[in-house]
Amino acid sequence: MNILDRLDPEQTPILDRIAKEQLDLTDIPGTRARLKQQKDLERASLTLPPDITITDQRIPGGDGETDITVRIYRPQAQSEILPGILYIHGGGYILGTLDDGDELACSWARDVRCVVVSVDYRLGPEHPFPTPLEDCYTALKW
């Protein structure tokens, strides 16, 4: 019996989606490479809005030893203090990258007139749970 056989039956729709998207969770490096290739093709045609300033910044990680990167999306020519949104990309803490949220974060920054901070949290299994979650919490506190 593998781990998938032990999951709650309500998870079947999620597992079906994973199978459809060819997300092989037994080969995380291979899955990451396939997703990166797909995202790179999508990004090649993506035009980010010129009225949003995008800045990457390194901040101290939750473990006090490793810095993490946050990407800040800010409407240009905004001198007042703006509300903020912390964006945490999807991927179950094992997949996804900082780049995945560029289009969505830009649209939030522009349409909501807010600052969006996206966190490049460390991924499992190389960084076991709760490390990714702690990185996200560190970005929130920052």
N, C-alpha and C. Protein backbone atom coordinates (compact mmCIF):
# COMPACT_ATOMS: atom_id res chain seq x y z
N MET A 1 0.85 -1.18 0.00
CA MET A 1 0.00 0.00 0.00
C MET A 1 0.90 1.24 0.00
N ASN A 2 0.63 2.17 -0.93
CA ASN A 2 1.39 3.42 -0.92
C ASN A 2 0.60 4.51 -0.21
N ILE A 3 1.22 5.65 -0.05
CA ILE A 3 0.60 6.73 0.72
C ILE A 3 -0.69 7.23 0.06
N LEU A 4 -0.76 7.19 -1.26
CA LEU A 4 -1.96 7.66 -1.94
C LEU A 4 -3.18 6.81 -1.60
N ASP A 5 -2.97 5.53 -1.32
CA ASP A 5 -4.07 4.64 -0.95
C ASP A 5 -4.62 4.96 0.44
N ARG A 6 -3.84 5.67 1.24
CA ARG A 6 -4.27 5.97 2.61
C ARG A 6 -4.93 7.33 2.76
N LEU A 7 -5.02 8.09 1.68
CA LEU A 7 -5.62 9.42 1.75
C LEU A 7 -7.14 9.34 1.80
N ASP A 8 -7.73 10.37 2.35
CA ASP A 8 -9.18 10.49 2.44
C ASP A 8 -9.79 10.50 1.03
N PRO A 9 -10.89 9.77 0.81
CA PRO A 9 -11.52 9.75 -0.51
C PRO A 9 -11.93 11.13 -1.03
N GLU A 10 -12.15 12.07 -0.13
CA GLU A 10 -12.51 13.42 -0.57
C GLU A 10 -11.37 14.11 -1.31
N GLN A 11 -10.19 13.55 -1.21
CA GLN A 11 -9.03 14.11 -1.91
C GLN A 11 -8.95 13.66 -3.36
N THR A 12 -9.85 12.77 -3.78
CA THR A 12 -9.82 12.23 -5.14
C THR A 12 -9.80 13.31 -6.22
N PRO A 13 -10.65 14.36 -6.13
CA PRO A 13 -10.59 15.39 -7.18
C PRO A 13 -9.22 16.06 -7.28
N ILE A 14 -8.59 16.27 -6.17
CA ILE A 14 -7.25 16.89 -6.18
C ILE A 14 -6.26 15.94 -6.82
N LEU A 15 -6.34 14.67 -6.46
CA LEU A 15 -5.42 13.68 -7.02
C LEU A 15 -5.65 13.53 -8.53
N ASP A 16 -6.91 13.61 -8.95
CA ASP A 16 -7.20 13.53 -10.39
C ASP A 16 -6.56 14.71 -11.12
N ARG A 17 -6.62 15.89 -10.52
CA ARG A 17 -6.01 17.08 -11.13
C ARG A 17 -4.50 16.91 -11.21
N ILE A 18 -3.91 16.39 -10.15
CA ILE A 18 -2.47 16.17 -10.14
C ILE A 18 -2.09 15.22 -11.27
N ALA A 19 -2.86 14.14 -11.42
CA ALA A 19 -2.56 13.18 -12.49
C ALA A 19 -2.72 13.83 -13.86
N LYS A 20 -3.76 14.64 -14.03
CA LYS A 20 -4.00 15.30 -15.31
C LYS A 20 -2.86 16.25 -15.66
N GLU A 21 -2.35 16.95 -14.67
CA GLU A 21 -1.27 17.90 -14.91
C GLU A 21 0.11 17.25 -14.88
N GLN A 22 0.13 15.94 -14.76
CA GLN A 22 1.37 15.17 -14.75
C GLN A 22 2.31 15.64 -13.63
N LEU A 23 1.74 15.86 -12.47
CA LEU A 23 2.55 16.22 -11.31
C LEU A 23 2.94 14.94 -10.59
N ASP A 24 4.10 14.43 -10.92
CA ASP A 24 4.59 13.19 -10.34
C ASP A 24 5.26 13.50 -9.01
N LEU A 25 4.53 13.25 -7.93
CA LEU A 25 5.07 13.57 -6.61
C LEU A 25 6.11 12.58 -6.14
N THR A 26 6.34 11.51 -6.92
CA THR A 26 7.44 10.60 -6.59
C THR A 26 8.74 11.06 -7.24
N ASP A 27 8.65 12.02 -8.15
CA ASP A 27 9.82 12.59 -8.83
C ASP A 27 9.73 14.12 -8.77
N ILE A 28 9.95 14.66 -7.59
CA ILE A 28 9.79 16.11 -7.40
C ILE A 28 10.75 16.91 -8.27
N PRO A 29 12.04 16.54 -8.37
CA PRO A 29 12.92 17.32 -9.26
C PRO A 29 12.45 17.32 -10.71
N GLY A 30 11.99 16.17 -11.20
CA GLY A 30 11.49 16.10 -12.57
C GLY A 30 10.23 16.93 -12.76
N THR A 31 9.34 16.88 -11.77
CA THR A 31 8.12 17.67 -11.83
C THR A 31 8.45 19.15 -11.81
N ARG A 32 9.40 19.55 -10.96
CA ARG A 32 9.80 20.96 -10.92
C ARG A 32 10.36 21.40 -12.27
N ALA A 33 11.15 20.56 -12.90
CA ALA A 33 11.73 20.90 -14.20
C ALA A 33 10.65 21.07 -15.26
N ARG A 34 9.66 20.16 -15.27
CA ARG A 34 8.56 20.26 -16.24
C ARG A 34 7.74 21.53 -16.01
N LEU A 35 7.44 21.81 -14.74
CA LEU A 35 6.67 23.01 -14.43
C LEU A 35 7.43 24.27 -14.80
N LYS A 36 8.74 24.26 -14.54
CA LYS A 36 9.56 25.43 -14.89
C LYS A 36 9.54 25.67 -16.39
N GLN A 37 9.64 24.60 -17.16
CA GLN A 37 9.61 24.72 -18.62
C GLN A 37 8.27 25.31 -19.08
N GLN A 38 7.17 24.83 -18.50
CA GLN A 38 5.85 25.36 -18.85
C GLN A 38 5.74 26.83 -18.47
N LYS A 39 6.17 27.17 -17.26
CA LYS A 39 6.07 28.55 -16.78
C LYS A 39 6.97 29.48 -17.59
N ASP A 40 8.15 29.00 -17.98
CA ASP A 40 9.04 29.84 -18.79
C ASP A 40 8.39 30.20 -20.12
N LEU A 41 7.68 29.24 -20.73
CA LEU A 41 6.97 29.52 -21.98
C LEU A 41 5.86 30.55 -21.76
N GLU A 42 5.12 30.40 -20.65
CA GLU A 42 4.06 31.35 -20.34
C GLU A 42 4.64 32.74 -20.09
N ARG A 43 5.74 32.79 -19.34
CA ARG A 43 6.36 34.07 -18.98
C ARG A 43 6.92 34.81 -20.19
N ALA A 44 7.32 34.06 -21.21
CA ALA A 44 7.90 34.68 -22.40
C ALA A 44 6.90 35.62 -23.06
N SER A 45 5.61 35.32 -22.94
CA SER A 45 4.59 36.18 -23.55
C SER A 45 3.93 37.12 -22.54
N LEU A 46 4.39 37.10 -21.31
CA LEU A 46 3.81 37.93 -20.26
C LEU A 46 4.41 39.33 -20.29
N THR A 47 3.55 40.32 -20.29
CA THR A 47 4.00 41.71 -20.21
C THR A 47 3.51 42.27 -18.88
N LEU A 48 4.44 42.59 -18.00
CA LEU A 48 4.07 43.14 -16.71
C LEU A 48 3.76 44.62 -16.86
N PRO A 49 2.80 45.12 -16.08
CA PRO A 49 2.40 46.52 -16.22
C PRO A 49 3.53 47.48 -15.87
N PRO A 50 3.71 48.53 -16.68
CA PRO A 50 4.80 49.48 -16.43
C PRO A 50 4.55 50.37 -15.21
N ASP A 51 3.32 50.41 -14.72
CA ASP A 51 3.01 51.28 -13.59
C ASP A 51 3.20 50.59 -12.24
N ILE A 52 3.80 49.40 -12.25
CA ILE A 52 4.09 48.67 -11.02
C ILE A 52 5.60 48.51 -10.89
N THR A 53 6.13 48.91 -9.74
CA THR A 53 7.55 48.73 -9.46
C THR A 53 7.73 47.37 -8.79
N ILE A 54 8.66 46.57 -9.32
CA ILE A 54 8.92 45.23 -8.78
C ILE A 54 10.35 45.21 -8.28
N THR A 55 10.51 44.85 -6.99
CA THR A 55 11.82 44.83 -6.36
C THR A 55 12.01 43.52 -5.60
N ASP A 56 13.14 42.86 -5.79
CA ASP A 56 13.49 41.70 -4.98
C ASP A 56 14.37 42.16 -3.83
N GLN A 57 14.12 41.61 -2.65
CA GLN A 57 14.91 41.97 -1.47
C GLN A 57 15.17 40.73 -0.63
N ARG A 58 16.37 40.64 -0.08
CA ARG A 58 16.73 39.54 0.81
C ARG A 58 16.41 39.97 2.24
N ILE A 59 15.77 39.06 2.99
CA ILE A 59 15.48 39.32 4.40
C ILE A 59 15.97 38.12 5.21
N PRO A 60 16.24 38.31 6.50
CA PRO A 60 16.69 37.19 7.32
C PRO A 60 15.60 36.12 7.40
N GLY A 61 15.99 34.87 7.19
CA GLY A 61 15.04 33.76 7.26
C GLY A 61 14.67 33.44 8.69
N GLY A 62 13.65 32.61 8.84
CA GLY A 62 13.14 32.26 10.15
C GLY A 62 14.13 31.52 11.02
N ASP A 63 15.09 30.83 10.40
CA ASP A 63 16.06 30.07 11.19
C ASP A 63 17.22 30.94 11.66
N GLY A 64 17.25 32.20 11.24
CA GLY A 64 18.33 33.10 11.65
C GLY A 64 19.63 32.88 10.92
N GLU A 65 19.69 31.88 10.05
CA GLU A 65 20.93 31.56 9.34
C GLU A 65 20.83 31.77 7.84
N THR A 66 19.65 31.52 7.27
CA THR A 66 19.47 31.57 5.83
C THR A 66 18.56 32.72 5.46
N ASP A 67 19.02 33.59 4.57
CA ASP A 67 18.17 34.66 4.08
C ASP A 67 17.19 34.11 3.05
N ILE A 68 16.02 34.74 2.98
CA ILE A 68 15.04 34.38 1.95
C ILE A 68 14.77 35.63 1.12
N THR A 69 14.26 35.41 -0.08
CA THR A 69 13.95 36.52 -0.97
C THR A 69 12.46 36.81 -0.92
N VAL A 70 12.14 38.10 -0.85
CA VAL A 70 10.76 38.53 -1.04
C VAL A 70 10.73 39.43 -2.27
N ARG A 71 9.65 39.38 -2.99
CA ARG A 71 9.46 40.25 -4.16
C ARG A 71 8.34 41.23 -3.81
N ILE A 72 8.64 42.50 -3.99
CA ILE A 72 7.71 43.56 -3.60
C ILE A 72 7.15 44.21 -4.85
N TYR A 73 5.84 44.26 -4.93
CA TYR A 73 5.12 44.89 -6.05
C TYR A 73 4.43 46.13 -5.49
N ARG A 74 4.76 47.29 -6.05
CA ARG A 74 4.24 48.54 -5.52
C ARG A 74 3.77 49.43 -6.67
N PRO A 75 2.57 50.01 -6.54
CA PRO A 75 2.15 50.97 -7.56
C PRO A 75 3.12 52.14 -7.59
N GLN A 76 3.49 52.59 -8.79
CA GLN A 76 4.41 53.72 -8.90
C GLN A 76 3.71 55.00 -8.47
N ALA A 77 4.53 55.97 -8.07
CA ALA A 77 4.05 57.31 -7.70
C ALA A 77 3.07 57.27 -6.54
N GLN A 78 3.25 56.33 -5.64
CA GLN A 78 2.41 56.28 -4.45
C GLN A 78 3.27 56.66 -3.26
N SER A 79 3.01 57.82 -2.69
CA SER A 79 3.82 58.26 -1.56
C SER A 79 3.16 57.94 -0.23
N GLU A 80 1.83 57.69 -0.25
CA GLU A 80 1.16 57.40 1.01
C GLU A 80 1.38 55.94 1.42
N ILE A 81 1.11 55.67 2.67
CA ILE A 81 1.20 54.30 3.17
C ILE A 81 0.04 53.52 2.57
N LEU A 82 0.35 52.36 2.03
CA LEU A 82 -0.65 51.53 1.36
C LEU A 82 -0.91 50.25 2.17
N PRO A 83 -2.10 49.66 2.01
CA PRO A 83 -2.32 48.35 2.63
C PRO A 83 -1.43 47.32 1.96
N GLY A 84 -1.25 46.19 2.61
CA GLY A 84 -0.38 45.16 2.08
C GLY A 84 -1.04 43.80 2.01
N ILE A 85 -0.56 43.00 1.08
CA ILE A 85 -0.99 41.61 0.93
C ILE A 85 0.27 40.76 0.90
N LEU A 86 0.29 39.69 1.70
CA LEU A 86 1.37 38.71 1.62
C LEU A 86 0.90 37.60 0.68
N TYR A 87 1.62 37.40 -0.42
CA TYR A 87 1.27 36.37 -1.39
C TYR A 87 2.20 35.18 -1.19
N ILE A 88 1.59 34.02 -1.00
CA ILE A 88 2.34 32.77 -0.84
C ILE A 88 1.95 31.87 -2.01
N HIS A 89 2.91 31.62 -2.91
CA HIS A 89 2.58 30.82 -4.09
C HIS A 89 2.14 29.42 -3.70
N GLY A 90 1.35 28.82 -4.57
CA GLY A 90 0.88 27.46 -4.33
C GLY A 90 1.97 26.43 -4.61
N GLY A 91 1.63 25.18 -4.35
CA GLY A 91 2.57 24.10 -4.62
C GLY A 91 2.77 23.18 -3.45
N GLY A 92 1.94 23.35 -2.41
CA GLY A 92 2.01 22.43 -1.28
C GLY A 92 3.34 22.42 -0.56
N TYR A 93 4.05 23.54 -0.61
CA TYR A 93 5.36 23.70 0.02
C TYR A 93 6.45 22.81 -0.59
N ILE A 94 6.16 22.22 -1.77
CA ILE A 94 7.20 21.43 -2.45
C ILE A 94 7.42 21.88 -3.89
N LEU A 95 6.47 22.63 -4.45
CA LEU A 95 6.55 23.08 -5.84
C LEU A 95 6.29 24.57 -5.91
N GLY A 96 6.61 25.17 -7.03
CA GLY A 96 6.33 26.58 -7.25
C GLY A 96 7.55 27.45 -7.03
N THR A 97 7.47 28.67 -7.59
CA THR A 97 8.59 29.60 -7.47
C THR A 97 8.06 31.01 -7.22
N LEU A 98 8.97 31.87 -6.90
CA LEU A 98 8.65 33.28 -6.68
C LEU A 98 8.03 33.90 -7.93
N ASP A 99 8.44 33.45 -9.10
CA ASP A 99 7.95 34.02 -10.36
C ASP A 99 6.49 33.67 -10.65
N ASP A 100 5.98 32.61 -10.04
CA ASP A 100 4.64 32.13 -10.36
C ASP A 100 3.55 33.17 -10.13
N GLY A 101 3.75 34.07 -9.19
CA GLY A 101 2.70 35.02 -8.85
C GLY A 101 2.83 36.38 -9.48
N ASP A 102 3.77 36.57 -10.41
CA ASP A 102 4.01 37.91 -10.95
C ASP A 102 2.75 38.56 -11.52
N GLU A 103 2.06 37.87 -12.38
CA GLU A 103 0.89 38.48 -13.03
C GLU A 103 -0.20 38.82 -12.02
N LEU A 104 -0.50 37.88 -11.13
CA LEU A 104 -1.54 38.10 -10.12
C LEU A 104 -1.16 39.22 -9.16
N ALA A 105 0.08 39.20 -8.68
CA ALA A 105 0.52 40.22 -7.73
C ALA A 105 0.50 41.61 -8.36
N CYS A 106 0.89 41.71 -9.62
CA CYS A 106 0.84 43.01 -10.31
C CYS A 106 -0.60 43.51 -10.43
N SER A 107 -1.51 42.60 -10.75
CA SER A 107 -2.90 43.03 -10.88
C SER A 107 -3.47 43.48 -9.54
N TRP A 108 -3.11 42.77 -8.46
CA TRP A 108 -3.56 43.22 -7.13
C TRP A 108 -2.99 44.59 -6.80
N ALA A 109 -1.70 44.76 -7.01
CA ALA A 109 -1.05 46.04 -6.69
C ALA A 109 -1.71 47.18 -7.46
N ARG A 110 -2.00 46.95 -8.72
CA ARG A 110 -2.59 48.00 -9.57
C ARG A 110 -4.07 48.22 -9.23
N ASP A 111 -4.85 47.15 -9.17
CA ASP A 111 -6.30 47.28 -9.03
C ASP A 111 -6.75 47.61 -7.60
N VAL A 112 -6.02 47.09 -6.62
CA VAL A 112 -6.39 47.31 -5.22
C VAL A 112 -5.62 48.49 -4.63
N ARG A 113 -4.59 48.95 -5.36
CA ARG A 113 -3.70 50.01 -4.86
C ARG A 113 -3.10 49.60 -3.51
N CYS A 114 -2.35 48.53 -3.56
CA CYS A 114 -1.72 48.01 -2.36
C CYS A 114 -0.31 47.54 -2.70
N VAL A 115 0.45 47.27 -1.66
CA VAL A 115 1.77 46.66 -1.82
C VAL A 115 1.58 45.16 -1.66
N VAL A 116 2.13 44.39 -2.58
CA VAL A 116 2.08 42.93 -2.49
C VAL A 116 3.49 42.44 -2.25
N VAL A 117 3.64 41.59 -1.24
CA VAL A 117 4.93 40.98 -0.94
C VAL A 117 4.78 39.48 -1.16
N SER A 118 5.57 38.95 -2.08
CA SER A 118 5.56 37.52 -2.39
C SER A 118 6.82 36.91 -1.80
N VAL A 119 6.68 35.75 -1.18
CA VAL A 119 7.81 35.15 -0.48
C VAL A 119 8.33 33.92 -1.22
N ASP A 120 9.64 33.87 -1.40
CA ASP A 120 10.30 32.73 -2.03
C ASP A 120 10.72 31.77 -0.92
N TYR A 121 9.73 31.10 -0.35
CA TYR A 121 10.01 30.20 0.77
C TYR A 121 10.77 28.97 0.29
N ARG A 122 11.54 28.40 1.21
CA ARG A 122 12.30 27.19 0.89
C ARG A 122 11.33 26.02 0.75
N LEU A 123 11.63 25.14 -0.20
CA LEU A 123 10.74 24.04 -0.54
C LEU A 123 11.18 22.73 0.09
N GLY A 124 10.19 21.89 0.43
CA GLY A 124 10.44 20.54 0.83
C GLY A 124 10.58 19.67 -0.41
N PRO A 125 11.08 18.51 -0.32
CA PRO A 125 11.52 17.84 0.90
C PRO A 125 12.91 18.26 1.36
N GLU A 126 13.61 19.08 0.55
CA GLU A 126 14.95 19.51 0.95
C GLU A 126 14.91 20.29 2.27
N HIS A 127 13.84 21.02 2.47
CA HIS A 127 13.64 21.79 3.70
C HIS A 127 12.32 21.33 4.31
N PRO A 128 12.38 20.34 5.20
CA PRO A 128 11.16 19.71 5.72
C PRO A 128 10.25 20.71 6.44
N PHE A 129 8.95 20.38 6.41
CA PHE A 129 7.96 21.14 7.15
C PHE A 129 8.37 21.14 8.62
N PRO A 130 8.30 22.23 9.32
CA PRO A 130 7.59 23.48 9.02
C PRO A 130 8.46 24.60 8.44
N THR A 131 9.66 24.29 7.92
CA THR A 131 10.54 25.34 7.41
C THR A 131 9.86 26.24 6.39
N PRO A 132 9.17 25.71 5.36
CA PRO A 132 8.53 26.62 4.40
C PRO A 132 7.51 27.55 5.07
N LEU A 133 6.72 26.99 5.97
CA LEU A 133 5.72 27.79 6.68
C LEU A 133 6.39 28.86 7.54
N GLU A 134 7.48 28.51 8.20
CA GLU A 134 8.21 29.48 9.02
C GLU A 134 8.78 30.60 8.16
N ASP A 135 9.24 30.28 6.95
CA ASP A 135 9.72 31.33 6.04
C ASP A 135 8.58 32.30 5.70
N CYS A 136 7.40 31.75 5.46
CA CYS A 136 6.24 32.61 5.14
C CYS A 136 5.88 33.49 6.33
N TYR A 137 5.92 32.92 7.51
CA TYR A 137 5.60 33.70 8.71
C TYR A 137 6.65 34.78 8.94
N THR A 138 7.90 34.46 8.67
CA THR A 138 8.97 35.45 8.78
C THR A 138 8.72 36.62 7.84
N ALA A 139 8.30 36.31 6.61
CA ALA A 139 7.98 37.38 5.65
C ALA A 139 6.81 38.22 6.15
N LEU A 140 5.83 37.59 6.75
CA LEU A 140 4.69 38.33 7.30
C LEU A 140 5.14 39.28 8.40
N LYS A 141 5.99 38.80 9.29
CA LYS A 141 6.48 39.66 10.39
C LYS A 141 7.35 40.79 9.87
N TRP A 142 8.10 40.54 8.80
CA TRP A 142 8.98 41.54 8.22
C TRP A 142 8.17 42.72 7.74
